[in-house]
Amino acid sequence: MDIRERWISEISCPECGVMGTAGVSEEDHPYETGELGRAVFFCTPGFDVVPTENSDKESYIVCSKCKAVVVYRKKDLSA
């Protein structure tokens, strides 16, 4: 599938405060699976990308130091 959207997001750990950046993308055909199919394609050192158990196309970010799940915000690359 083609990638529809890509964006860079500033991230920070909610537990220990480590800050960084992550790159996220969405699949072109989310209606086929019923989900957006978001995947993290990179993150700065200090964070780890972890695939979800039910899909290799979906992933989330955890802090390398304390293993807390990190939430990212959408920020358009063209902005």
PDB file of N, CA and C in Angstrom:
ATOM      1  N   MET A   1       0.819  -1.186   0.000  1.00  0.00           N
ATOM      2  CA  MET A   1       0.000   0.000   0.000  1.00  0.00           C
ATOM      3  C   MET A   1       0.862   1.249   0.000  1.00  0.00           C
ATOM      4  N   ASP A   2       0.340   2.271  -0.603  1.00  0.00           N
ATOM      5  CA  ASP A   2       1.033   3.544  -0.616  1.00  0.00           C
ATOM      6  C   ASP A   2       0.828   4.261   0.705  1.00  0.00           C
ATOM      7  N   ILE A   3       1.782   5.079   1.038  1.00  0.00           N
ATOM      8  CA  ILE A   3       1.659   5.867   2.262  1.00  0.00           C
ATOM      9  C   ILE A   3       0.918   7.153   1.935  1.00  0.00           C
ATOM     10  N   ARG A   4      -0.131   7.435   2.674  1.00  0.00           N
ATOM     11  CA  ARG A   4      -0.948   8.614   2.426  1.00  0.00           C
ATOM     12  C   ARG A   4      -0.372   9.844   3.110  1.00  0.00           C
ATOM     13  N   GLU A   5      -0.078   9.744   4.373  1.00  0.00           N
ATOM     14  CA  GLU A   5       0.411  10.891   5.131  1.00  0.00           C
ATOM     15  C   GLU A   5       1.640  10.499   5.937  1.00  0.00           C
ATOM     16  N   ARG A   6       2.545  11.459   6.085  1.00  0.00           N
ATOM     17  CA  ARG A   6       3.707  11.299   6.957  1.00  0.00           C
ATOM     18  C   ARG A   6       3.850  12.579   7.750  1.00  0.00           C
ATOM     19  N   TRP A   7       4.251  12.440   8.996  1.00  0.00           N
ATOM     20  CA  TRP A   7       4.474  13.630   9.799  1.00  0.00           C
ATOM     21  C   TRP A   7       5.545  13.350  10.844  1.00  0.00           C
ATOM     22  N   ILE A   8       6.098  14.435  11.343  1.00  0.00           N
ATOM     23  CA  ILE A   8       7.093  14.392  12.406  1.00  0.00           C
ATOM     24  C   ILE A   8       6.404  14.876  13.675  1.00  0.00           C
ATOM     25  N   SER A   9       6.660  14.198  14.771  1.00  0.00           N
ATOM     26  CA  SER A   9       6.034  14.554  16.030  1.00  0.00           C
ATOM     27  C   SER A   9       7.088  14.703  17.118  1.00  0.00           C
ATOM     28  N   GLU A  10       6.970  15.748  17.897  1.00  0.00           N
ATOM     29  CA  GLU A  10       7.806  15.888  19.084  1.00  0.00           C
ATOM     30  C   GLU A  10       7.215  14.973  20.144  1.00  0.00           C
ATOM     31  N   ILE A  11       8.057  14.211  20.812  1.00  0.00           N
ATOM     32  CA  ILE A  11       7.588  13.274  21.831  1.00  0.00           C
ATOM     33  C   ILE A  11       8.329  13.509  23.139  1.00  0.00           C
ATOM     34  N   SER A  12       7.679  13.140  24.223  1.00  0.00           N
ATOM     35  CA  SER A  12       8.330  13.194  25.535  1.00  0.00           C
ATOM     36  C   SER A  12       7.728  12.110  26.417  1.00  0.00           C
ATOM     37  N   CYS A  13       8.554  11.546  27.267  1.00  0.00           N
ATOM     38  CA  CYS A  13       8.104  10.492  28.164  1.00  0.00           C
ATOM     39  C   CYS A  13       7.270  11.105  29.287  1.00  0.00           C
ATOM     40  N   PRO A  14       6.080  10.555  29.539  1.00  0.00           N
ATOM     41  CA  PRO A  14       5.246  11.099  30.604  1.00  0.00           C
ATOM     42  C   PRO A  14       5.771  10.784  32.006  1.00  0.00           C
ATOM     43  N   GLU A  15       6.667   9.818  32.100  1.00  0.00           N
ATOM     44  CA  GLU A  15       7.203   9.415  33.404  1.00  0.00           C
ATOM     45  C   GLU A  15       8.501  10.136  33.755  1.00  0.00           C
ATOM     46  N   CYS A  16       9.510  10.063  32.864  1.00  0.00           N
ATOM     47  CA  CYS A  16      10.829  10.610  33.207  1.00  0.00           C
ATOM     48  C   CYS A  16      11.190  11.887  32.453  1.00  0.00           C
ATOM     49  N   GLY A  17      10.368  12.292  31.472  1.00  0.00           N
ATOM     50  CA  GLY A  17      10.575  13.565  30.792  1.00  0.00           C
ATOM     51  C   GLY A  17      11.557  13.567  29.641  1.00  0.00           C
ATOM     52  N   VAL A  18      12.111  12.422  29.235  1.00  0.00           N
ATOM     53  CA  VAL A  18      13.019  12.364  28.086  1.00  0.00           C
ATOM     54  C   VAL A  18      12.268  12.884  26.866  1.00  0.00           C
ATOM     55  N   MET A  19      12.941  13.723  26.041  1.00  0.00           N
ATOM     56  CA  MET A  19      12.295  14.309  24.872  1.00  0.00           C
ATOM     57  C   MET A  19      12.981  13.856  23.598  1.00  0.00           C
ATOM     58  N   GLY A  20      12.212  13.833  22.492  1.00  0.00           N
ATOM     59  CA  GLY A  20      12.765  13.429  21.209  1.00  0.00           C
ATOM     60  C   GLY A  20      11.796  13.706  20.082  1.00  0.00           C
ATOM     61  N   THR A  21      12.030  13.029  18.958  1.00  0.00           N
ATOM     62  CA  THR A  21      11.227  13.202  17.751  1.00  0.00           C
ATOM     63  C   THR A  21      10.907  11.835  17.165  1.00  0.00           C
ATOM     64  N   ALA A  22       9.709  11.720  16.571  1.00  0.00           N
ATOM     65  CA  ALA A  22       9.312  10.478  15.910  1.00  0.00           C
ATOM     66  C   ALA A  22       8.702  10.803  14.555  1.00  0.00           C
ATOM     67  N   GLY A  23       8.892   9.908  13.602  1.00  0.00           N
ATOM     68  CA  GLY A  23       8.269  10.009  12.287  1.00  0.00           C
ATOM     69  C   GLY A  23       7.167   8.969  12.191  1.00  0.00           C
ATOM     70  N   VAL A  24       5.979   9.382  11.761  1.00  0.00           N
ATOM     71  CA  VAL A  24       4.811   8.511  11.727  1.00  0.00           C
ATOM     72  C   VAL A  24       4.192   8.564  10.332  1.00  0.00           C
ATOM     73  N   SER A  25       3.612   7.439   9.892  1.00  0.00           N
ATOM     74  CA  SER A  25       2.928   7.407   8.600  1.00  0.00           C
ATOM     75  C   SER A  25       1.598   6.678   8.722  1.00  0.00           C
ATOM     76  N   GLU A  26       0.701   6.956   7.765  1.00  0.00           N
ATOM     77  CA  GLU A  26      -0.595   6.282   7.686  1.00  0.00           C
ATOM     78  C   GLU A  26      -0.695   5.544   6.367  1.00  0.00           C
ATOM     79  N   GLU A  27      -1.397   4.427   6.364  1.00  0.00           N
ATOM     80  CA  GLU A  27      -1.633   3.666   5.151  1.00  0.00           C
ATOM     81  C   GLU A  27      -2.616   4.402   4.246  1.00  0.00           C
ATOM     82  N   ASP A  28      -2.572   4.100   2.959  1.00  0.00           N
ATOM     83  CA  ASP A  28      -3.424   4.743   1.970  1.00  0.00           C
ATOM     84  C   ASP A  28      -4.869   4.253   2.022  1.00  0.00           C
ATOM     85  N   HIS A  29      -5.094   3.009   2.440  1.00  0.00           N
ATOM     86  CA  HIS A  29      -6.433   2.415   2.390  1.00  0.00           C
ATOM     87  C   HIS A  29      -6.904   1.950   3.766  1.00  0.00           C
ATOM     88  N   PRO A  30      -7.176   2.866   4.686  1.00  0.00           N
ATOM     89  CA  PRO A  30      -7.595   2.451   6.028  1.00  0.00           C
ATOM     90  C   PRO A  30      -8.948   1.760   6.062  1.00  0.00           C
ATOM     91  N   TYR A  31      -9.781   1.988   5.045  1.00  0.00           N
ATOM     92  CA  TYR A  31     -11.102   1.370   5.025  1.00  0.00           C
ATOM     93  C   TYR A  31     -11.043  -0.140   4.832  1.00  0.00           C
ATOM     94  N   GLU A  32      -9.948  -0.658   4.301  1.00  0.00           N
ATOM     95  CA  GLU A  32      -9.821  -2.103   4.091  1.00  0.00           C
ATOM     96  C   GLU A  32      -9.717  -2.862   5.408  1.00  0.00           C
ATOM     97  N   THR A  33      -9.045  -2.287   6.385  1.00  0.00           N
ATOM     98  CA  THR A  33      -8.865  -2.951   7.679  1.00  0.00           C
ATOM     99  C   THR A  33      -9.732  -2.359   8.772  1.00  0.00           C
ATOM    100  N   GLY A  34     -10.299  -1.184   8.533  1.00  0.00           N
ATOM    101  CA  GLY A  34     -11.104  -0.523   9.542  1.00  0.00           C
ATOM    102  C   GLY A  34     -10.275   0.279  10.538  1.00  0.00           C
ATOM    103  N   GLU A  35      -8.963   0.338  10.327  1.00  0.00           N
ATOM    104  CA  GLU A  35      -8.077   1.112  11.195  1.00  0.00           C
ATOM    105  C   GLU A  35      -7.186   1.987  10.334  1.00  0.00           C
ATOM    106  N   LEU A  36      -6.607   3.007  10.942  1.00  0.00           N
ATOM    107  CA  LEU A  36      -5.760   3.927  10.197  1.00  0.00           C
ATOM    108  C   LEU A  36      -4.439   3.316   9.754  1.00  0.00           C
ATOM    109  N   GLY A  37      -3.967   2.292  10.412  1.00  0.00           N
ATOM    110  CA  GLY A  37      -2.714   1.663  10.012  1.00  0.00           C
ATOM    111  C   GLY A  37      -1.509   2.548  10.237  1.00  0.00           C
ATOM    112  N   ARG A  38      -1.478   3.260  11.338  1.00  0.00           N
ATOM    113  CA  ARG A  38      -0.344   4.138  11.631  1.00  0.00           C
ATOM    114  C   ARG A  38       0.878   3.319  12.032  1.00  0.00           C
ATOM    115  N   ALA A  39       2.024   3.763  11.553  1.00  0.00           N
ATOM    116  CA  ALA A  39       3.277   3.103  11.896  1.00  0.00           C
ATOM    117  C   ALA A  39       4.348   4.148  12.168  1.00  0.00           C
ATOM    118  N   VAL A  40       5.166   3.896  13.157  1.00  0.00           N
ATOM    119  CA  VAL A  40       6.299   4.766  13.468  1.00  0.00           C
ATOM    120  C   VAL A  40       7.470   4.284  12.630  1.00  0.00           C
ATOM    121  N   PHE A  41       8.023   5.153  11.771  1.00  0.00           N
ATOM    122  CA  PHE A  41       9.130   4.726  10.923  1.00  0.00           C
ATOM    123  C   PHE A  41      10.488   5.155  11.444  1.00  0.00           C
ATOM    124  N   PHE A  42      10.544   6.034  12.439  1.00  0.00           N
ATOM    125  CA  PHE A  42      11.791   6.308  13.150  1.00  0.00           C
ATOM    126  C   PHE A  42      11.497   7.045  14.445  1.00  0.00           C
ATOM    127  N   CYS A  43      12.417   6.960  15.378  1.00  0.00           N
ATOM    128  CA  CYS A  43      12.381   7.811  16.563  1.00  0.00           C
ATOM    129  C   CYS A  43      13.811   8.028  17.027  1.00  0.00           C
ATOM    130  N   THR A  44      14.026   9.115  17.737  1.00  0.00           N
ATOM    131  CA  THR A  44      15.359   9.474  18.180  1.00  0.00           C
ATOM    132  C   THR A  44      15.832   8.527  19.282  1.00  0.00           C
ATOM    133  N   PRO A  45      17.145   8.462  19.508  1.00  0.00           N
ATOM    134  CA  PRO A  45      17.666   7.637  20.596  1.00  0.00           C
ATOM    135  C   PRO A  45      17.019   8.023  21.925  1.00  0.00           C
ATOM    136  N   GLY A  46      16.777   7.027  22.740  1.00  0.00           N
ATOM    137  CA  GLY A  46      16.100   7.233  24.007  1.00  0.00           C
ATOM    138  C   GLY A  46      14.688   6.670  23.976  1.00  0.00           C
ATOM    139  N   PHE A  47      14.240   6.274  22.763  1.00  0.00           N
ATOM    140  CA  PHE A  47      12.919   5.690  22.584  1.00  0.00           C
ATOM    141  C   PHE A  47      13.031   4.441  21.720  1.00  0.00           C
ATOM    142  N   ASP A  48      12.090   3.514  21.897  1.00  0.00           N
ATOM    143  CA  ASP A  48      12.053   2.286  21.099  1.00  0.00           C
ATOM    144  C   ASP A  48      10.715   2.180  20.387  1.00  0.00           C
ATOM    145  N   VAL A  49      10.736   1.698  19.134  1.00  0.00           N
ATOM    146  CA  VAL A  49       9.522   1.443  18.375  1.00  0.00           C
ATOM    147  C   VAL A  49       9.148  -0.017  18.596  1.00  0.00           C
ATOM    148  N   VAL A  50       7.917  -0.262  19.027  1.00  0.00           N
ATOM    149  CA  VAL A  50       7.446  -1.613  19.339  1.00  0.00           C
ATOM    150  C   VAL A  50       6.240  -1.935  18.459  1.00  0.00           C
ATOM    151  N   PRO A  51       6.287  -3.021  17.656  1.00  0.00           N
ATOM    152  CA  PRO A  51       5.111  -3.379  16.857  1.00  0.00           C
ATOM    153  C   PRO A  51       4.000  -3.918  17.751  1.00  0.00           C
ATOM    154  N   THR A  52       2.753  -3.703  17.334  1.00  0.00           N
ATOM    155  CA  THR A  52       1.640  -4.258  18.094  1.00  0.00           C
ATOM    156  C   THR A  52       1.553  -5.756  17.852  1.00  0.00           C
ATOM    157  N   GLU A  53       0.898  -6.453  18.743  1.00  0.00           N
ATOM    158  CA  GLU A  53       0.789  -7.898  18.642  1.00  0.00           C
ATOM    159  C   GLU A  53      -0.074  -8.339  17.465  1.00  0.00           C
ATOM    160  N   ASN A  54      -1.089  -7.536  17.115  1.00  0.00           N
ATOM    161  CA  ASN A  54      -2.023  -7.948  16.080  1.00  0.00           C
ATOM    162  C   ASN A  54      -1.667  -7.477  14.676  1.00  0.00           C
ATOM    163  N   SER A  55      -0.638  -6.646  14.530  1.00  0.00           N
ATOM    164  CA  SER A  55      -0.313  -6.135  13.203  1.00  0.00           C
ATOM    165  C   SER A  55       1.132  -5.683  13.142  1.00  0.00           C
ATOM    166  N   ASP A  56       1.814  -6.080  12.061  1.00  0.00           N
ATOM    167  CA  ASP A  56       3.181  -5.605  11.872  1.00  0.00           C
ATOM    168  C   ASP A  56       3.202  -4.212  11.254  1.00  0.00           C
ATOM    169  N   LYS A  57       2.044  -3.709  10.795  1.00  0.00           N
ATOM    170  CA  LYS A  57       1.958  -2.382  10.207  1.00  0.00           C
ATOM    171  C   LYS A  57       1.709  -1.309  11.255  1.00  0.00           C
ATOM    172  N   GLU A  58       1.284  -1.698  12.433  1.00  0.00           N
ATOM    173  CA  GLU A  58       1.017  -0.739  13.504  1.00  0.00           C
ATOM    174  C   GLU A  58       2.141  -0.843  14.526  1.00  0.00           C
ATOM    175  N   SER A  59       2.457   0.253  15.166  1.00  0.00           N
ATOM    176  CA  SER A  59       3.507   0.250  16.175  1.00  0.00           C
ATOM    177  C   SER A  59       3.263   1.387  17.156  1.00  0.00           C
ATOM    178  N   TYR A  60       3.963   1.314  18.272  1.00  0.00           N
ATOM    179  CA  TYR A  60       3.888   2.383  19.258  1.00  0.00           C
ATOM    180  C   TYR A  60       5.276   2.639  19.800  1.00  0.00           C
ATOM    181  N   ILE A  61       5.423   3.684  20.596  1.00  0.00           N
ATOM    182  CA  ILE A  61       6.727   4.119  21.096  1.00  0.00           C
ATOM    183  C   ILE A  61       6.774   3.940  22.603  1.00  0.00           C
ATOM    184  N   VAL A  62       7.912   3.443  23.110  1.00  0.00           N
ATOM    185  CA  VAL A  62       8.137   3.367  24.546  1.00  0.00           C
ATOM    186  C   VAL A  62       9.465   4.042  24.871  1.00  0.00           C
ATOM    187  N   CYS A  63       9.557   4.580  26.059  1.00  0.00           N
ATOM    188  CA  CYS A  63      10.787   5.192  26.553  1.00  0.00           C
ATOM    189  C   CYS A  63      11.795   4.077  26.826  1.00  0.00           C
ATOM    190  N   SER A  64      13.017   4.222  26.346  1.00  0.00           N
ATOM    191  CA  SER A  64      14.049   3.213  26.572  1.00  0.00           C
ATOM    192  C   SER A  64      14.452   3.129  28.040  1.00  0.00           C
ATOM    193  N   LYS A  65      14.348   4.237  28.742  1.00  0.00           N
ATOM    194  CA  LYS A  65      14.792   4.311  30.136  1.00  0.00           C
ATOM    195  C   LYS A  65      13.790   3.677  31.098  1.00  0.00           C
ATOM    196  N   CYS A  66      12.517   4.099  31.023  1.00  0.00           N
ATOM    197  CA  CYS A  66      11.545   3.629  32.017  1.00  0.00           C
ATOM    198  C   CYS A  66      10.431   2.756  31.431  1.00  0.00           C
ATOM    199  N   LYS A  67      10.435   2.558  30.101  1.00  0.00           N
ATOM    200  CA  LYS A  67       9.476   1.692  29.395  1.00  0.00           C
ATOM    201  C   LYS A  67       8.041   2.208  29.409  1.00  0.00           C
ATOM    202  N   ALA A  68       7.837   3.485  29.684  1.00  0.00           N
ATOM    203  CA  ALA A  68       6.494   4.073  29.626  1.00  0.00           C
ATOM    204  C   ALA A  68       6.090   4.266  28.168  1.00  0.00           C
ATOM    205  N   VAL A  69       4.814   4.077  27.860  1.00  0.00           N
ATOM    206  CA  VAL A  69       4.302   4.295  26.511  1.00  0.00           C
ATOM    207  C   VAL A  69       4.207   5.795  26.260  1.00  0.00           C
ATOM    208  N   VAL A  70       4.702   6.217  25.100  1.00  0.00           N
ATOM    209  CA  VAL A  70       4.747   7.629  24.736  1.00  0.00           C
ATOM    210  C   VAL A  70       3.669   7.913  23.689  1.00  0.00           C
ATOM    211  N   VAL A  71       2.927   8.988  23.883  1.00  0.00           N
ATOM    212  CA  VAL A  71       1.891   9.392  22.939  1.00  0.00           C
ATOM    213  C   VAL A  71       2.458  10.479  22.043  1.00  0.00           C
ATOM    214  N   TYR A  72       2.210  10.361  20.744  1.00  0.00           N
ATOM    215  CA  TYR A  72       2.678  11.380  19.808  1.00  0.00           C
ATOM    216  C   TYR A  72       1.501  12.184  19.275  1.00  0.00           C
ATOM    217  N   ARG A  73       1.777  13.412  18.885  1.00  0.00           N
ATOM    218  CA  ARG A  73       0.755  14.285  18.294  1.00  0.00           C
ATOM    219  C   ARG A  73       1.049  14.409  16.807  1.00  0.00           C
ATOM    220  N   LYS A  74       0.009  14.571  16.031  1.00  0.00           N
ATOM    221  CA  LYS A  74       0.169  14.741  14.590  1.00  0.00           C
ATOM    222  C   LYS A  74       0.657  16.140  14.278  1.00  0.00           C
ATOM    223  N   LYS A  75       1.701  16.223  13.462  1.00  0.00           N
ATOM    224  CA  LYS A  75       2.233  17.507  13.007  1.00  0.00           C
ATOM    225  C   LYS A  75       2.626  17.333  11.549  1.00  0.00           C
ATOM    226  N   ASP A  76       1.991  18.039  10.649  1.00  0.00           N
ATOM    227  CA  ASP A  76       2.197  17.879   9.217  1.00  0.00           C
ATOM    228  C   ASP A  76       3.616  18.293   8.812  1.00  0.00           C
ATOM    229  N   LEU A  77       4.254  17.485   7.946  1.00  0.00           N
ATOM    230  CA  LEU A  77       5.594  17.798   7.449  1.00  0.00           C
ATOM    231  C   LEU A  77       5.611  19.056   6.593  1.00  0.00           C
ATOM    232  N   SER A  78       4.508  19.346   5.936  1.00  0.00           N
ATOM    233  CA  SER A  78       4.480  20.497   5.040  1.00  0.00           C
ATOM    234  C   SER A  78       4.325  21.824   5.784  1.00  0.00           C
ATOM    235  N   ALA A  79       4.003  21.753   7.074  1.00  0.00           N
ATOM    236  CA  ALA A  79       3.788  22.981   7.845  1.00  0.00           C
ATOM    237  C   ALA A  79       5.093  23.651   8.213  1.00  0.00           C
TER     238      ALA A  79
END
